[in-house]
Protein backbone atom coordinates (compact mmCIF):
# COMPACT_ATOMS: atom_id res chain seq x y z
CA UNK A 1 16.96 6.76 11.18
CA UNK A 2 15.91 3.17 11.75
CA UNK A 3 13.67 1.56 9.18
CA UNK A 4 10.88 1.26 11.79
CA UNK A 5 10.58 5.05 11.61
CA UNK A 6 9.17 4.73 8.09
CA UNK A 7 6.56 2.04 8.82
CA UNK A 8 3.64 4.42 9.61
CA UNK A 9 4.30 6.31 6.38
CA UNK A 10 4.46 3.05 4.43
CA UNK A 11 1.22 1.85 6.04
CA UNK A 12 -0.47 5.07 4.94
CA UNK A 13 0.88 4.73 1.39
CA UNK A 14 -0.15 1.10 1.02
CA UNK A 15 -3.60 1.91 2.39
CA UNK A 16 -3.98 4.78 -0.04
CA UNK A 17 -2.52 3.26 -3.20
CA UNK A 18 -2.51 -0.47 -2.59
CA UNK A 19 0.54 -2.61 -3.09
CA UNK A 20 0.69 -2.19 -6.86
CA UNK A 21 -0.05 1.54 -6.82
CA UNK A 22 2.50 2.45 -4.17
CA UNK A 23 5.39 2.97 -6.57
CA UNK A 24 8.95 3.48 -5.42
CA UNK A 25 8.67 7.07 -6.62
CA UNK A 26 5.66 7.70 -4.38
CA UNK A 27 7.35 5.91 -1.48
CA UNK A 28 10.54 7.92 -1.98
CA UNK A 29 8.64 11.20 -2.07
CA UNK A 30 6.53 10.39 1.01
CA UNK A 31 9.41 9.12 3.13
CA UNK A 32 11.92 11.71 1.94
CA UNK A 33 14.35 8.91 1.12
CA UNK A 34 16.06 8.47 -2.20
CA UNK A 35 15.72 5.11 -3.88
CA UNK A 36 19.22 4.11 -2.77
CA UNK A 37 18.31 4.92 0.86
CA UNK A 38 15.08 2.97 0.54
CA UNK A 39 17.06 -0.08 -0.57
CA UNK A 40 19.53 0.50 2.23
CA UNK A 41 16.69 0.26 4.80
CA UNK A 42 14.69 -2.32 2.84
CA UNK A 43 17.10 -4.42 0.74
CA UNK A 44 14.19 -6.59 -0.40
CA UNK A 45 12.49 -3.59 -1.98
CA UNK A 46 8.75 -3.06 -1.88
CA UNK A 47 8.11 -6.67 -0.79
CA UNK A 48 10.23 -6.12 2.31
CA UNK A 49 8.49 -2.80 2.96
CA UNK A 50 5.09 -4.49 2.89
CA UNK A 51 6.36 -7.35 5.02
CA UNK A 52 7.60 -4.79 7.55
CA UNK A 53 4.17 -3.13 7.57
CA UNK A 54 2.47 -6.51 8.10
CA UNK A 55 4.92 -7.32 10.90
CA UNK A 56 4.03 -3.96 12.47
CA UNK A 57 0.30 -4.78 12.21
CA UNK A 58 0.92 -8.21 13.71
CA UNK A 59 2.71 -6.59 16.66
CA UNK A 60 -0.16 -4.10 16.96
CA UNK A 61 -2.65 -6.96 17.05
CA UNK A 62 -0.60 -8.73 19.72
CA UNK A 63 -0.18 -5.56 21.77
CA UNK A 64 -3.59 -3.89 21.48
CA UNK A 65 -6.31 -6.31 20.30
CA UNK A 66 -5.52 -9.74 21.70
CA UNK A 67 -4.94 -8.50 25.29
CA UNK A 68 -8.41 -6.90 25.21
CA UNK A 69 -9.90 -10.28 24.39
CA UNK A 70 -7.76 -12.26 26.83
CA UNK A 71 -8.32 -10.11 29.91
CA UNK A 72 -10.64 -11.02 32.76
CA UNK A 73 -14.24 -9.90 32.44
CA UNK A 74 -17.39 -10.43 30.47
CA UNK A 75 -17.49 -10.81 26.71
CA UNK A 76 -19.31 -7.52 26.18
CA UNK A 77 -16.55 -5.54 27.92
CA UNK A 78 -13.87 -7.39 25.97
CA UNK A 79 -15.55 -6.78 22.61
CA UNK A 80 -16.16 -3.12 23.42
CA UNK A 81 -12.50 -2.62 24.30
CA UNK A 82 -11.48 -4.40 21.09
CA UNK A 83 -13.83 -2.08 19.19
CA UNK A 84 -12.23 0.94 20.82
CA UNK A 85 -8.80 -0.20 19.67
CA UNK A 86 -10.04 -0.90 16.13
CA UNK A 87 -11.62 2.56 16.11
CA UNK A 88 -8.14 3.97 16.73
CA UNK A 89 -6.48 1.86 14.03
CA UNK A 90 -9.06 2.71 11.39
CA UNK A 91 -9.51 6.30 12.59
CA UNK A 92 -13.22 5.87 13.16
CA UNK A 93 -13.69 4.18 9.80
CA UNK A 94 -11.85 6.79 7.75
CA UNK A 95 -9.00 4.41 6.91
CA UNK A 96 -9.39 1.28 4.77
CA UNK A 97 -8.25 -2.14 5.88
CA UNK A 98 -4.87 -2.98 4.42
CA UNK A 99 -5.68 -6.69 4.62
CA UNK A 100 -8.56 -6.32 2.17
CA UNK A 101 -6.28 -4.38 -0.16
CA UNK A 102 -3.63 -7.10 0.02
CA UNK A 103 -6.02 -9.91 -0.84
CA UNK A 104 -6.35 -8.71 -4.42
CA UNK A 105 -3.91 -7.94 -7.21
CA UNK A 106 -0.36 -9.18 -7.30
CA UNK A 107 0.01 -8.79 -3.54
CA UNK A 108 -2.37 -11.70 -2.91
CA UNK A 109 0.17 -14.35 -3.81
CA UNK A 110 2.93 -12.59 -1.91
CA UNK A 111 1.15 -11.86 1.37
CA UNK A 112 -1.89 -14.15 1.56
CA UNK A 113 -0.40 -16.52 4.13
CA UNK A 114 0.60 -13.75 6.53
CA UNK A 115 -2.79 -12.01 6.22
CA UNK A 116 -4.59 -15.33 6.73
CA UNK A 117 -2.50 -16.01 9.84
CA UNK A 118 -3.45 -12.63 11.34
CA UNK A 119 -7.14 -13.25 10.73
CA UNK A 120 -6.93 -16.76 12.18
CA UNK A 121 -5.25 -15.55 15.38
CA UNK A 122 -7.83 -12.77 15.80
CA UNK A 123 -10.80 -15.07 15.14
CA UNK A 124 -9.46 -17.83 17.41
CA UNK A 125 -8.96 -15.35 20.23
CA UNK A 126 -12.48 -13.97 19.77
CA UNK A 127 -13.81 -17.55 19.73
CA UNK A 128 -12.33 -18.11 23.19
CA UNK A 129 -14.28 -15.09 24.47
CA UNK A 130 -17.53 -16.72 23.36
CA UNK A 131 -16.51 -20.15 24.67
CA UNK A 132 -15.87 -18.59 28.08
CA UNK A 133 -19.49 -17.38 27.97
CA UNK A 134 -20.61 -20.99 27.61
CA UNK A 135 -21.16 -21.03 23.87
CA UNK A 136 -20.43 -24.25 21.97
CA UNK A 137 -17.01 -24.25 20.29
CA UNK A 138 -18.35 -24.42 16.72
CA UNK A 139 -20.92 -21.69 17.31
CA UNK A 140 -18.29 -19.57 19.09
CA UNK A 141 -16.06 -19.84 16.01
CA UNK A 142 -18.95 -18.82 13.76
CA UNK A 143 -19.81 -15.87 16.01
CA UNK A 144 -16.17 -14.74 15.95
CA UNK A 145 -16.11 -15.00 12.16
CA UNK A 146 -19.37 -13.02 12.02
CA UNK A 147 -17.80 -10.24 14.08
CA UNK A 148 -14.76 -10.16 11.76
CA UNK A 149 -17.04 -10.18 8.70
CA UNK A 150 -19.09 -7.31 10.11
CA UNK A 151 -16.04 -5.21 10.90
CA UNK A 152 -14.27 -5.89 7.63
CA UNK A 153 -17.44 -5.44 5.59
CA UNK A 154 -18.19 -2.16 7.32
CA UNK A 155 -14.73 -0.89 6.40
CA UNK A 156 -15.37 -1.75 2.75
CA UNK A 157 -18.77 -0.03 2.81
CA UNK A 158 -17.28 2.98 4.53
CA UNK A 159 -14.80 3.33 1.69
CA UNK A 160 -17.45 2.72 -0.98
CA UNK A 161 -19.89 5.24 0.52
CA UNK A 162 -17.16 7.72 1.40
CA UNK A 163 -18.67 7.73 4.87
CA UNK A 164 -17.40 6.19 8.08
CA UNK A 165 -20.94 5.58 9.37
CA UNK A 166 -21.11 1.84 8.51
CA UNK A 167 -17.91 1.16 10.47
CA UNK A 168 -19.00 3.37 13.35
CA UNK A 169 -22.35 1.56 13.56
CA UNK A 170 -20.72 -1.87 13.71
CA UNK A 171 -18.20 -0.80 16.35
CA UNK A 172 -21.01 0.66 18.47
CA UNK A 173 -22.95 -2.61 18.13
CA UNK A 174 -20.06 -4.47 19.75
CA UNK A 175 -20.98 -2.82 23.02
CA UNK A 176 -24.71 -3.56 22.88
């Protein structure tokens, strides 16, 4: 099988255990691949596995989130559609955000730049939605950051409270 086949499993593992906690033993067990096979598919080891997961998430962002924000229509419709797609990615708030997990521990130094890039692209694209509505560029950027903060914060609270309600509330507010 191609290494792309294992990306959803790796995403799940890194979400569940974090970068440091997702040991090669756990990865091997979850994927059904021996350590030699893992290194065959991912010669760079766990770093390459995480990079592949981040590349997958970048492609997902480009394919499912950014087009929602770039399409014709009013900002409310665009944000609602973006919220629908985020609902799918985070399974209604049941799944944690991998980006938050990667910004702590040893993974921070390894993956900070790629995570930052993904956030910047997302925020810039949201900013354009607000600019199209006639909002000043600086305020549009702040509003876009506020949306990202609300979504990311709600994912953290959902994990802390063991309840997806904070995330669900924020996603529903995108369409109000």
